[in-house]
Amino acid sequence: MKSVNWRWFLPIFQLAVALACHVYEPHEYRVRVRLDRAVNNIEYFLQHAPAMAGRISQGINFPAMALAYPLRNVDDAIYSRNSEYTLIWIAPRDIGFFLGVLLSWYWLGRKLDESLGRSPRAAWPRTARIAGLTCGVVFGGLTGAYAVQMVTSRLRPAKQIGAFGIVWAVALITYFTWRLTREWERSAVRGAARISRI
């Protein structure tokens, strides 16, 4: 049996799930709003949208939300279709989110493949490695800042999505800091070896 190529499987699978949740979430909200008899209630909308499918999708893909942060308020529809069953609304912020899903899960899949020895690690120059790892730590910090902003919101959906973001931020900062520390330790060992040869 052929082993799974995670660098392609993860982004495609996660994109499919994110798209399915994006289409299903408005239907889930509409069903709930009718059951609760809260049609056209703005406070109800603020405390219940996105519905659970959307919250889970955004939480699992929180790094994609952080990548798409500059587009968060660009909500004019590129494509929309409203039916009795659901509302399909694709805006630039959604495109940014879906691209972020692909990028973040491709990176994670690539790292998983490398750790399993299925693909060789690219030999980047030391300066590029340190710059990349530093950017990773900064991205983890920005992800955390976005998550904290959501957790401190008065809106329940934002709090729930933000909780996922806190977990992602801690994981990203921990991973990139660990890798950066190892890179500096290797540099120190190489430097000591050079000095001992002199």
N, C-alpha and C. Protein backbone atom coordinates (compact mmCIF):
# COMPACT_ATOMS: atom_id res chain seq x y z
N MET A 1 0.84 -1.19 0.00
CA MET A 1 0.00 0.00 0.00
C MET A 1 0.89 1.25 0.00
N LYS A 2 0.57 2.18 -0.85
CA LYS A 2 1.36 3.40 -0.96
C LYS A 2 1.08 4.32 0.22
N SER A 3 2.15 4.91 0.78
CA SER A 3 1.98 5.81 1.92
C SER A 3 1.35 7.12 1.47
N VAL A 4 0.68 7.77 2.42
CA VAL A 4 -0.02 9.02 2.14
C VAL A 4 1.00 10.15 1.97
N ASN A 5 0.83 10.94 0.93
CA ASN A 5 1.66 12.12 0.72
C ASN A 5 0.95 13.28 1.42
N TRP A 6 1.35 13.54 2.68
CA TRP A 6 0.64 14.50 3.52
C TRP A 6 0.65 15.92 2.98
N ARG A 7 1.72 16.29 2.25
CA ARG A 7 1.81 17.67 1.76
C ARG A 7 0.69 17.99 0.77
N TRP A 8 0.12 16.98 0.12
CA TRP A 8 -0.99 17.20 -0.81
C TRP A 8 -2.32 16.79 -0.19
N PHE A 9 -2.32 15.71 0.59
CA PHE A 9 -3.57 15.22 1.16
C PHE A 9 -4.18 16.22 2.14
N LEU A 10 -3.36 16.73 3.09
CA LEU A 10 -3.89 17.63 4.11
C LEU A 10 -4.51 18.90 3.54
N PRO A 11 -3.83 19.64 2.65
CA PRO A 11 -4.47 20.87 2.16
C PRO A 11 -5.72 20.62 1.34
N ILE A 12 -5.72 19.56 0.52
CA ILE A 12 -6.91 19.28 -0.30
C ILE A 12 -8.08 18.85 0.59
N PHE A 13 -7.80 17.98 1.55
CA PHE A 13 -8.85 17.51 2.46
C PHE A 13 -9.40 18.67 3.29
N GLN A 14 -8.50 19.49 3.86
CA GLN A 14 -8.95 20.60 4.70
C GLN A 14 -9.70 21.66 3.90
N LEU A 15 -9.28 21.88 2.65
CA LEU A 15 -10.01 22.82 1.80
C LEU A 15 -11.42 22.31 1.52
N ALA A 16 -11.53 21.01 1.23
CA ALA A 16 -12.85 20.42 0.96
C ALA A 16 -13.75 20.56 2.19
N VAL A 17 -13.20 20.31 3.37
CA VAL A 17 -13.99 20.45 4.61
C VAL A 17 -14.38 21.91 4.83
N ALA A 18 -13.43 22.84 4.61
CA ALA A 18 -13.72 24.26 4.80
C ALA A 18 -14.80 24.74 3.84
N LEU A 19 -14.74 24.29 2.58
CA LEU A 19 -15.77 24.66 1.60
C LEU A 19 -17.13 24.09 1.99
N ALA A 20 -17.15 22.82 2.42
CA ALA A 20 -18.41 22.19 2.84
C ALA A 20 -19.01 22.94 4.03
N CYS A 21 -18.18 23.30 5.00
CA CYS A 21 -18.67 24.05 6.16
C CYS A 21 -19.16 25.44 5.76
N HIS A 22 -18.47 26.05 4.80
CA HIS A 22 -18.86 27.39 4.33
C HIS A 22 -20.25 27.36 3.68
N VAL A 23 -20.55 26.29 2.98
CA VAL A 23 -21.86 26.17 2.32
C VAL A 23 -22.93 25.73 3.33
N TYR A 24 -22.58 24.83 4.25
CA TYR A 24 -23.56 24.29 5.19
C TYR A 24 -23.90 25.25 6.32
N GLU A 25 -22.94 26.06 6.75
CA GLU A 25 -23.12 26.92 7.92
C GLU A 25 -24.34 27.85 7.83
N PRO A 26 -24.61 28.54 6.70
CA PRO A 26 -25.81 29.39 6.65
C PRO A 26 -27.11 28.58 6.79
N HIS A 27 -27.12 27.36 6.23
CA HIS A 27 -28.31 26.51 6.39
C HIS A 27 -28.49 26.14 7.86
N GLU A 28 -27.41 25.78 8.53
CA GLU A 28 -27.48 25.43 9.95
C GLU A 28 -28.00 26.61 10.76
N TYR A 29 -27.51 27.82 10.44
CA TYR A 29 -27.97 29.02 11.15
C TYR A 29 -29.46 29.25 10.91
N ARG A 30 -29.91 29.13 9.66
CA ARG A 30 -31.32 29.37 9.34
C ARG A 30 -32.24 28.40 10.07
N VAL A 31 -31.85 27.15 10.14
CA VAL A 31 -32.67 26.16 10.85
C VAL A 31 -32.77 26.54 12.32
N ARG A 32 -31.63 26.90 12.93
CA ARG A 32 -31.61 27.25 14.35
C ARG A 32 -32.43 28.51 14.62
N VAL A 33 -32.33 29.51 13.75
CA VAL A 33 -33.04 30.76 13.97
C VAL A 33 -34.57 30.56 13.88
N ARG A 34 -35.00 29.66 13.00
CA ARG A 34 -36.44 29.36 12.90
C ARG A 34 -36.92 28.62 14.14
N LEU A 35 -36.13 27.66 14.61
CA LEU A 35 -36.51 26.91 15.82
C LEU A 35 -36.59 27.83 17.03
N ASP A 36 -35.68 28.80 17.11
CA ASP A 36 -35.66 29.74 18.23
C ASP A 36 -36.58 30.94 18.03
N ARG A 37 -37.26 30.99 16.89
CA ARG A 37 -38.16 32.10 16.54
C ARG A 37 -37.47 33.46 16.73
N ALA A 38 -36.29 33.56 16.11
CA ALA A 38 -35.50 34.79 16.26
C ALA A 38 -35.16 35.40 14.90
N VAL A 39 -36.04 35.24 13.93
CA VAL A 39 -35.81 35.79 12.59
C VAL A 39 -35.74 37.32 12.68
N ASN A 40 -34.76 37.90 11.97
CA ASN A 40 -34.54 39.35 11.94
C ASN A 40 -34.19 39.95 13.31
N ASN A 41 -33.52 39.17 14.13
CA ASN A 41 -33.10 39.65 15.45
C ASN A 41 -31.58 39.83 15.39
N ILE A 42 -31.12 41.07 15.36
CA ILE A 42 -29.70 41.36 15.16
C ILE A 42 -28.85 40.86 16.34
N GLU A 43 -29.35 40.99 17.56
CA GLU A 43 -28.59 40.51 18.72
C GLU A 43 -28.43 38.98 18.67
N TYR A 44 -29.49 38.29 18.27
CA TYR A 44 -29.41 36.83 18.11
C TYR A 44 -28.37 36.48 17.05
N PHE A 45 -28.40 37.22 15.94
CA PHE A 45 -27.43 36.98 14.86
C PHE A 45 -26.00 37.13 15.37
N LEU A 46 -25.74 38.21 16.09
CA LEU A 46 -24.39 38.48 16.58
C LEU A 46 -23.89 37.39 17.53
N GLN A 47 -24.81 36.80 18.31
CA GLN A 47 -24.41 35.80 19.30
C GLN A 47 -24.43 34.36 18.76
N HIS A 48 -24.94 34.18 17.52
CA HIS A 48 -25.05 32.82 16.98
C HIS A 48 -24.45 32.62 15.59
N ALA A 49 -23.93 33.67 14.99
CA ALA A 49 -23.34 33.53 13.65
C ALA A 49 -21.84 33.80 13.75
N PRO A 50 -21.01 32.99 13.15
CA PRO A 50 -21.39 31.82 12.36
C PRO A 50 -21.89 30.67 13.23
N ALA A 51 -22.66 29.79 12.59
CA ALA A 51 -23.17 28.61 13.29
C ALA A 51 -22.02 27.67 13.59
N MET A 52 -22.30 26.58 14.30
CA MET A 52 -21.24 25.70 14.79
C MET A 52 -20.31 25.18 13.69
N ALA A 53 -20.83 24.84 12.53
CA ALA A 53 -19.98 24.33 11.44
C ALA A 53 -18.94 25.38 11.04
N GLY A 54 -19.36 26.63 10.96
CA GLY A 54 -18.44 27.71 10.62
C GLY A 54 -17.42 27.96 11.72
N ARG A 55 -17.85 27.87 12.97
CA ARG A 55 -16.93 28.09 14.09
C ARG A 55 -15.84 27.02 14.12
N ILE A 56 -16.26 25.77 13.93
CA ILE A 56 -15.29 24.67 13.95
C ILE A 56 -14.31 24.82 12.79
N SER A 57 -14.82 25.13 11.60
CA SER A 57 -13.95 25.30 10.43
C SER A 57 -12.95 26.43 10.64
N GLN A 58 -13.42 27.56 11.14
CA GLN A 58 -12.53 28.70 11.36
C GLN A 58 -11.54 28.43 12.48
N GLY A 59 -11.98 27.70 13.51
CA GLY A 59 -11.08 27.37 14.61
C GLY A 59 -9.97 26.42 14.19
N ILE A 60 -10.34 25.36 13.48
CA ILE A 60 -9.35 24.39 13.02
C ILE A 60 -8.37 25.04 12.05
N ASN A 61 -8.85 26.00 11.29
CA ASN A 61 -8.02 26.68 10.29
C ASN A 61 -7.65 28.09 10.74
N PHE A 62 -7.45 28.29 12.04
CA PHE A 62 -7.19 29.64 12.53
C PHE A 62 -5.96 30.30 11.89
N PRO A 63 -4.86 29.56 11.63
CA PRO A 63 -3.74 30.23 10.94
C PRO A 63 -4.15 30.80 9.58
N ALA A 64 -5.10 30.15 8.89
CA ALA A 64 -5.59 30.68 7.62
C ALA A 64 -6.35 31.98 7.85
N MET A 65 -7.09 32.07 8.96
CA MET A 65 -7.77 33.32 9.29
C MET A 65 -6.75 34.43 9.56
N ALA A 66 -5.66 34.06 10.23
CA ALA A 66 -4.61 35.06 10.50
C ALA A 66 -3.95 35.52 9.21
N LEU A 67 -3.71 34.59 8.28
CA LEU A 67 -3.13 34.97 6.99
C LEU A 67 -4.06 35.89 6.20
N ALA A 68 -5.37 35.64 6.32
CA ALA A 68 -6.36 36.43 5.58
C ALA A 68 -6.82 37.67 6.35
N TYR A 69 -6.18 37.98 7.46
CA TYR A 69 -6.59 39.10 8.31
C TYR A 69 -6.76 40.43 7.55
N PRO A 70 -5.85 40.78 6.62
CA PRO A 70 -6.03 42.06 5.91
C PRO A 70 -7.33 42.12 5.10
N LEU A 71 -7.92 40.97 4.77
CA LEU A 71 -9.16 40.96 3.98
C LEU A 71 -10.41 40.75 4.84
N ARG A 72 -10.27 40.77 6.17
CA ARG A 72 -11.38 40.39 7.06
C ARG A 72 -12.64 41.22 6.86
N ASN A 73 -12.52 42.46 6.41
CA ASN A 73 -13.69 43.32 6.24
C ASN A 73 -14.11 43.48 4.78
N VAL A 74 -13.46 42.77 3.86
CA VAL A 74 -13.80 42.87 2.44
C VAL A 74 -14.85 41.79 2.15
N ASP A 75 -16.13 42.16 2.31
CA ASP A 75 -17.20 41.18 2.31
C ASP A 75 -18.17 41.32 1.13
N ASP A 76 -17.81 42.10 0.10
CA ASP A 76 -18.69 42.22 -1.06
C ASP A 76 -18.63 40.92 -1.86
N ALA A 77 -19.79 40.44 -2.26
CA ALA A 77 -19.86 39.12 -2.91
C ALA A 77 -19.22 39.13 -4.29
N ILE A 78 -18.34 38.15 -4.52
CA ILE A 78 -17.85 37.86 -5.87
C ILE A 78 -18.86 36.94 -6.54
N TYR A 79 -19.40 36.02 -5.73
CA TYR A 79 -20.44 35.10 -6.19
C TYR A 79 -21.43 34.90 -5.04
N SER A 80 -22.72 34.95 -5.35
CA SER A 80 -23.73 34.67 -4.32
C SER A 80 -24.91 33.93 -4.94
N ARG A 81 -25.46 33.03 -4.15
CA ARG A 81 -26.66 32.29 -4.56
C ARG A 81 -27.46 32.02 -3.30
N ASN A 82 -28.67 32.58 -3.29
CA ASN A 82 -29.54 32.43 -2.13
C ASN A 82 -30.70 31.53 -2.50
N SER A 83 -30.85 30.45 -1.76
CA SER A 83 -31.96 29.54 -2.00
C SER A 83 -32.65 29.28 -0.66
N GLU A 84 -33.73 28.55 -0.72
CA GLU A 84 -34.44 28.23 0.51
C GLU A 84 -33.56 27.36 1.42
N TYR A 85 -32.72 26.53 0.80
CA TYR A 85 -31.89 25.61 1.57
C TYR A 85 -30.71 26.32 2.24
N THR A 86 -29.99 27.12 1.47
CA THR A 86 -28.81 27.78 2.05
C THR A 86 -28.42 29.03 1.25
N LEU A 87 -27.44 29.73 1.76
CA LEU A 87 -26.89 30.91 1.09
C LEU A 87 -25.42 30.61 0.78
N ILE A 88 -25.06 30.73 -0.47
CA ILE A 88 -23.65 30.61 -0.84
C ILE A 88 -23.16 32.02 -1.14
N TRP A 89 -22.18 32.46 -0.39
CA TRP A 89 -21.66 33.83 -0.50
C TRP A 89 -20.14 33.74 -0.51
N ILE A 90 -19.54 34.06 -1.63
CA ILE A 90 -18.08 34.03 -1.74
C ILE A 90 -17.60 35.47 -1.90
N ALA A 91 -16.81 35.92 -0.94
CA ALA A 91 -16.27 37.28 -0.93
C ALA A 91 -14.74 37.20 -0.94
N PRO A 92 -14.05 38.32 -1.19
CA PRO A 92 -12.58 38.29 -1.16
C PRO A 92 -12.01 37.74 0.15
N ARG A 93 -12.66 38.03 1.28
CA ARG A 93 -12.15 37.49 2.56
C ARG A 93 -12.23 35.98 2.58
N ASP A 94 -13.27 35.40 1.94
CA ASP A 94 -13.38 33.94 1.87
C ASP A 94 -12.29 33.34 0.99
N ILE A 95 -12.02 34.01 -0.13
CA ILE A 95 -10.94 33.55 -1.02
C ILE A 95 -9.61 33.57 -0.26
N GLY A 96 -9.36 34.66 0.48
CA GLY A 96 -8.14 34.74 1.29
C GLY A 96 -8.07 33.62 2.32
N PHE A 97 -9.21 33.33 2.95
CA PHE A 97 -9.26 32.25 3.94
C PHE A 97 -8.96 30.90 3.29
N PHE A 98 -9.58 30.63 2.13
CA PHE A 98 -9.36 29.34 1.46
C PHE A 98 -7.90 29.19 0.99
N LEU A 99 -7.31 30.29 0.50
CA LEU A 99 -5.89 30.24 0.14
C LEU A 99 -5.02 30.00 1.37
N GLY A 100 -5.39 30.62 2.48
CA GLY A 100 -4.69 30.40 3.73
C GLY A 100 -4.79 28.95 4.21
N VAL A 101 -5.96 28.34 4.01
CA VAL A 101 -6.14 26.92 4.36
C VAL A 101 -5.15 26.08 3.55
N LEU A 102 -5.09 26.33 2.24
CA LEU A 102 -4.16 25.57 1.39
C LEU A 102 -2.71 25.76 1.84
N LEU A 103 -2.31 27.00 2.06
CA LEU A 103 -0.91 27.28 2.43
C LEU A 103 -0.54 26.69 3.79
N SER A 104 -1.38 26.91 4.78
CA SER A 104 -1.03 26.46 6.13
C SER A 104 -1.00 24.94 6.22
N TRP A 105 -1.96 24.26 5.58
CA TRP A 105 -1.98 22.79 5.67
C TRP A 105 -0.94 22.16 4.74
N TYR A 106 -0.58 22.86 3.66
CA TYR A 106 0.53 22.36 2.82
C TYR A 106 1.83 22.40 3.63
N TRP A 107 2.05 23.51 4.33
CA TRP A 107 3.27 23.63 5.14
C TRP A 107 3.29 22.54 6.21
N LEU A 108 2.16 22.33 6.90
CA LEU A 108 2.10 21.32 7.94
C LEU A 108 2.31 19.92 7.37
N GLY A 109 1.70 19.64 6.21
CA GLY A 109 1.88 18.35 5.55
C GLY A 109 3.32 18.13 5.12
N ARG A 110 3.96 19.18 4.63
CA ARG A 110 5.37 19.08 4.23
C ARG A 110 6.26 18.77 5.42
N LYS A 111 6.00 19.44 6.53
CA LYS A 111 6.77 19.17 7.75
C LYS A 111 6.54 17.74 8.23
N LEU A 112 5.32 17.26 8.12
CA LEU A 112 5.01 15.89 8.52
C LEU A 112 5.73 14.89 7.62
N ASP A 113 5.70 15.12 6.31
CA ASP A 113 6.44 14.26 5.38
C ASP A 113 7.93 14.24 5.69
N GLU A 114 8.50 15.41 5.98
CA GLU A 114 9.93 15.50 6.30
C GLU A 114 10.25 14.73 7.59
N SER A 115 9.38 14.85 8.58
CA SER A 115 9.64 14.16 9.86
C SER A 115 9.52 12.65 9.71
N LEU A 116 8.73 12.20 8.74
CA LEU A 116 8.59 10.76 8.48
C LEU A 116 9.65 10.25 7.51
N GLY A 117 10.51 11.16 7.04
CA GLY A 117 11.60 10.79 6.13
C GLY A 117 11.14 10.50 4.72
N ARG A 118 9.97 11.01 4.34
CA ARG A 118 9.44 10.75 2.99
C ARG A 118 9.89 11.76 1.97
N SER A 119 10.39 12.88 2.43
CA SER A 119 10.91 13.87 1.49
C SER A 119 12.12 14.53 2.13
N PRO A 120 13.16 14.75 1.35
CA PRO A 120 14.37 15.34 1.93
C PRO A 120 14.14 16.80 2.32
N ARG A 121 14.80 17.20 3.39
CA ARG A 121 14.72 18.61 3.80
C ARG A 121 15.55 19.45 2.86
N ALA A 122 15.00 20.57 2.48
CA ALA A 122 15.75 21.49 1.60
C ALA A 122 16.87 22.13 2.41
N ALA A 123 18.04 22.19 1.81
CA ALA A 123 19.20 22.80 2.48
C ALA A 123 19.23 24.29 2.17
N TRP A 124 18.60 25.07 3.04
CA TRP A 124 18.59 26.52 2.88
C TRP A 124 19.84 27.11 3.53
N PRO A 125 20.31 28.26 3.04
CA PRO A 125 21.42 28.93 3.72
C PRO A 125 21.01 29.30 5.15
N ARG A 126 21.99 29.35 6.04
CA ARG A 126 21.72 29.60 7.46
C ARG A 126 20.93 30.89 7.68
N THR A 127 21.30 31.95 6.98
CA THR A 127 20.61 33.23 7.13
C THR A 127 19.14 33.12 6.76
N ALA A 128 18.86 32.40 5.67
CA ALA A 128 17.47 32.22 5.23
C ALA A 128 16.69 31.38 6.24
N ARG A 129 17.33 30.36 6.81
CA ARG A 129 16.66 29.53 7.82
C ARG A 129 16.30 30.36 9.05
N ILE A 130 17.26 31.15 9.51
CA ILE A 130 17.01 31.98 10.71
C ILE A 130 15.93 33.02 10.41
N ALA A 131 15.98 33.63 9.24
CA ALA A 131 14.95 34.62 8.88
C ALA A 131 13.57 33.96 8.81
N GLY A 132 13.50 32.78 8.21
CA GLY A 132 12.22 32.07 8.11
C GLY A 132 11.67 31.68 9.46
N LEU A 133 12.53 31.17 10.33
CA LEU A 133 12.10 30.77 11.67
C LEU A 133 11.68 31.99 12.50
N THR A 134 12.40 33.11 12.33
CA THR A 134 12.02 34.34 13.03
C THR A 134 10.65 34.82 12.56
N CYS A 135 10.42 34.76 11.24
CA CYS A 135 9.09 35.12 10.70
C CYS A 135 8.02 34.20 11.27
N GLY A 136 8.36 32.92 11.46
CA GLY A 136 7.41 31.98 12.06
C GLY A 136 7.04 32.36 13.47
N VAL A 137 8.05 32.77 14.27
CA VAL A 137 7.77 33.20 15.65
C VAL A 137 6.88 34.45 15.63
N VAL A 138 7.20 35.40 14.73
CA VAL A 138 6.39 36.63 14.61
C VAL A 138 4.96 36.29 14.19
N PHE A 139 4.82 35.37 13.22
CA PHE A 139 3.48 34.97 12.78
C PHE A 139 2.70 34.32 13.93
N GLY A 140 3.38 33.49 14.73
CA GLY A 140 2.73 32.90 15.90
C GLY A 140 2.25 33.97 16.87
N GLY A 141 3.09 35.00 17.07
CA GLY A 141 2.70 36.11 17.95
C GLY A 141 1.51 36.89 17.41
N LEU A 142 1.52 37.15 16.10
CA LEU A 142 0.38 37.86 15.49
C LEU A 142 -0.89 37.02 15.54
N THR A 143 -0.74 35.70 15.35
CA THR A 143 -1.88 34.80 15.47
C THR A 143 -2.44 34.87 16.89
N GLY A 144 -1.54 34.88 17.87
CA GLY A 144 -1.97 35.00 19.26
C GLY A 144 -2.67 36.32 19.54
N ALA A 145 -2.15 37.42 18.98
CA ALA A 145 -2.78 38.72 19.19
C ALA A 145 -4.20 38.74 18.60
N TYR A 146 -4.37 38.16 17.42
CA TYR A 146 -5.69 38.07 16.79
C TYR A 146 -6.62 37.21 17.64
N ALA A 147 -6.09 36.10 18.16
CA ALA A 147 -6.89 35.20 18.99
C ALA A 147 -7.34 35.89 20.28
N VAL A 148 -6.42 36.62 20.91
CA VAL A 148 -6.77 37.33 22.14
C VAL A 148 -7.83 38.38 21.86
N GLN A 149 -7.72 39.07 20.73
CA GLN A 149 -8.74 40.06 20.34
C GLN A 149 -10.11 39.39 20.24
N MET A 150 -10.15 38.17 19.70
CA MET A 150 -11.42 37.47 19.56
C MET A 150 -11.93 36.95 20.90
N VAL A 151 -11.04 36.41 21.71
CA VAL A 151 -11.44 35.86 23.01
C VAL A 151 -12.01 36.94 23.93
N THR A 152 -11.51 38.15 23.82
CA THR A 152 -11.98 39.24 24.69
C THR A 152 -13.24 39.92 24.12
N SER A 153 -13.72 39.46 22.99
CA SER A 153 -14.95 40.01 22.41
C SER A 153 -16.15 39.64 23.28
N ARG A 154 -17.23 40.38 23.16
CA ARG A 154 -18.45 40.03 23.89
C ARG A 154 -19.28 38.99 23.14
N LEU A 155 -18.86 38.65 21.91
CA LEU A 155 -19.62 37.73 21.09
C LEU A 155 -19.17 36.30 21.30
N ARG A 156 -20.11 35.41 21.59
CA ARG A 156 -19.79 34.02 21.89
C ARG A 156 -19.08 33.31 20.74
N PRO A 157 -19.51 33.44 19.46
CA PRO A 157 -18.78 32.76 18.38
C PRO A 157 -17.32 33.19 18.29
N ALA A 158 -17.06 34.48 18.46
CA ALA A 158 -15.69 34.98 18.40
C ALA A 158 -14.86 34.40 19.54
N LYS A 159 -15.44 34.30 20.73
CA LYS A 159 -14.72 33.72 21.87
C LYS A 159 -14.34 32.27 21.59
N GLN A 160 -15.27 31.50 21.01
CA GLN A 160 -15.00 30.09 20.74
C GLN A 160 -13.94 29.91 19.66
N ILE A 161 -14.03 30.70 18.60
CA ILE A 161 -13.02 30.63 17.52
C ILE A 161 -11.67 31.09 18.07
N GLY A 162 -11.67 32.15 18.86
CA GLY A 162 -10.44 32.67 19.45
C GLY A 162 -9.75 31.67 20.35
N ALA A 163 -10.52 30.82 21.04
CA ALA A 163 -9.91 29.79 21.90
C ALA A 163 -9.07 28.83 21.07
N PHE A 164 -9.58 28.44 19.89
CA PHE A 164 -8.77 27.63 18.97
C PHE A 164 -7.50 28.39 18.58
N GLY A 165 -7.65 29.69 18.33
CA GLY A 165 -6.52 30.52 17.92
C GLY A 165 -5.43 30.58 18.98
N ILE A 166 -5.80 30.61 20.25
CA ILE A 166 -4.81 30.61 21.34
C ILE A 166 -3.99 29.33 21.27
N VAL A 167 -4.66 28.19 21.08
CA VAL A 167 -3.96 26.90 20.99
C VAL A 167 -2.99 26.91 19.80
N TRP A 168 -3.48 27.39 18.64
CA TRP A 168 -2.62 27.47 17.45
C TRP A 168 -1.42 28.38 17.71
N ALA A 169 -1.65 29.54 18.34
CA ALA A 169 -0.57 30.49 18.58
C ALA A 169 0.50 29.88 19.48
N VAL A 170 0.07 29.21 20.55
CA VAL A 170 1.03 28.57 21.46
C VAL A 170 1.83 27.51 20.71
N ALA A 171 1.14 26.71 19.89
CA ALA A 171 1.83 25.66 19.12
C ALA A 171 2.84 26.27 18.14
N LEU A 172 2.44 27.30 17.42
CA LEU A 172 3.33 27.93 16.44
C LEU A 172 4.54 28.58 17.11
N ILE A 173 4.30 29.34 18.18
CA ILE A 173 5.41 30.00 18.86
C ILE A 173 6.36 28.96 19.44
N THR A 174 5.82 27.91 20.05
CA THR A 174 6.66 26.86 20.63
C THR A 174 7.50 26.18 19.56
N TYR A 175 6.87 25.80 18.45
CA TYR A 175 7.59 25.10 17.39
C TYR A 175 8.71 25.96 16.80
N PHE A 176 8.36 27.19 16.40
CA PHE A 176 9.37 28.04 15.75
C PHE A 176 10.47 28.47 16.72
N THR A 177 10.14 28.70 17.99
CA THR A 177 11.16 29.05 18.97
C THR A 177 12.10 27.87 19.20
N TRP A 178 11.55 26.68 19.30
CA TRP A 178 12.38 25.47 19.45
C TRP A 178 13.33 25.29 18.27
N ARG A 179 12.78 25.45 17.05
CA ARG A 179 13.63 25.31 15.86
C ARG A 179 14.70 26.41 15.81
N LEU A 180 14.34 27.63 16.17
CA LEU A 180 15.29 28.74 16.16
C LEU A 180 16.40 28.51 17.20
N THR A 181 16.03 28.02 18.37
CA THR A 181 17.02 27.71 19.41
C THR A 181 17.99 26.64 18.93
N ARG A 182 17.46 25.60 18.30
CA ARG A 182 18.32 24.53 17.76
C ARG A 182 19.27 25.08 16.69
N GLU A 183 18.78 25.98 15.87
CA GLU A 183 19.62 26.57 14.82
C GLU A 183 20.75 27.37 15.43
N TRP A 184 20.48 28.15 16.47
CA TRP A 184 21.52 28.93 17.14
C TRP A 184 22.52 28.01 17.85
N GLU A 185 22.01 26.91 18.45
CA GLU A 185 22.92 25.96 19.11
C GLU A 185 23.87 25.31 18.11
N ARG A 186 23.33 24.93 16.95
CA ARG A 186 24.18 24.35 15.90
C ARG A 186 25.25 25.34 15.46
N SER A 187 24.86 26.60 15.31
CA SER A 187 25.82 27.64 14.91
C SER A 187 26.91 27.80 15.95
N ALA A 188 26.52 27.74 17.24
CA ALA A 188 27.51 27.88 18.31
C ALA A 188 28.49 26.70 18.30
N VAL A 189 27.97 25.48 18.07
CA VAL A 189 28.83 24.30 18.02
C VAL A 189 29.80 24.39 16.84
N ARG A 190 29.29 24.82 15.67
CA ARG A 190 30.17 24.97 14.50
C ARG A 190 31.23 26.03 14.75
N GLY A 191 30.84 27.14 15.38
CA GLY A 191 31.79 28.20 15.68
C GLY A 191 32.88 27.73 16.64
N ALA A 192 32.49 26.95 17.66
CA ALA A 192 33.48 26.42 18.61
C ALA A 192 34.41 25.45 17.93
N ALA A 193 33.88 24.64 17.00
CA ALA A 193 34.73 23.68 16.26
C ALA A 193 35.75 24.42 15.41
N ARG A 194 35.34 25.51 14.77
CA ARG A 194 36.27 26.30 13.95
C ARG A 194 37.37 26.90 14.80
N ILE A 195 37.02 27.41 15.97
CA ILE A 195 37.99 28.05 16.85
C ILE A 195 39.00 27.01 17.34
N SER A 196 38.51 25.78 17.65
CA SER A 196 39.40 24.74 18.16
C SER A 196 40.40 24.27 17.10
N ARG A 197 40.06 24.43 15.82
CA ARG A 197 40.99 24.05 14.75
C ARG A 197 42.12 25.04 14.59
N ILE A 198 41.89 26.28 15.03
CA ILE A 198 42.90 27.33 14.82
C ILE A 198 44.08 27.17 15.76
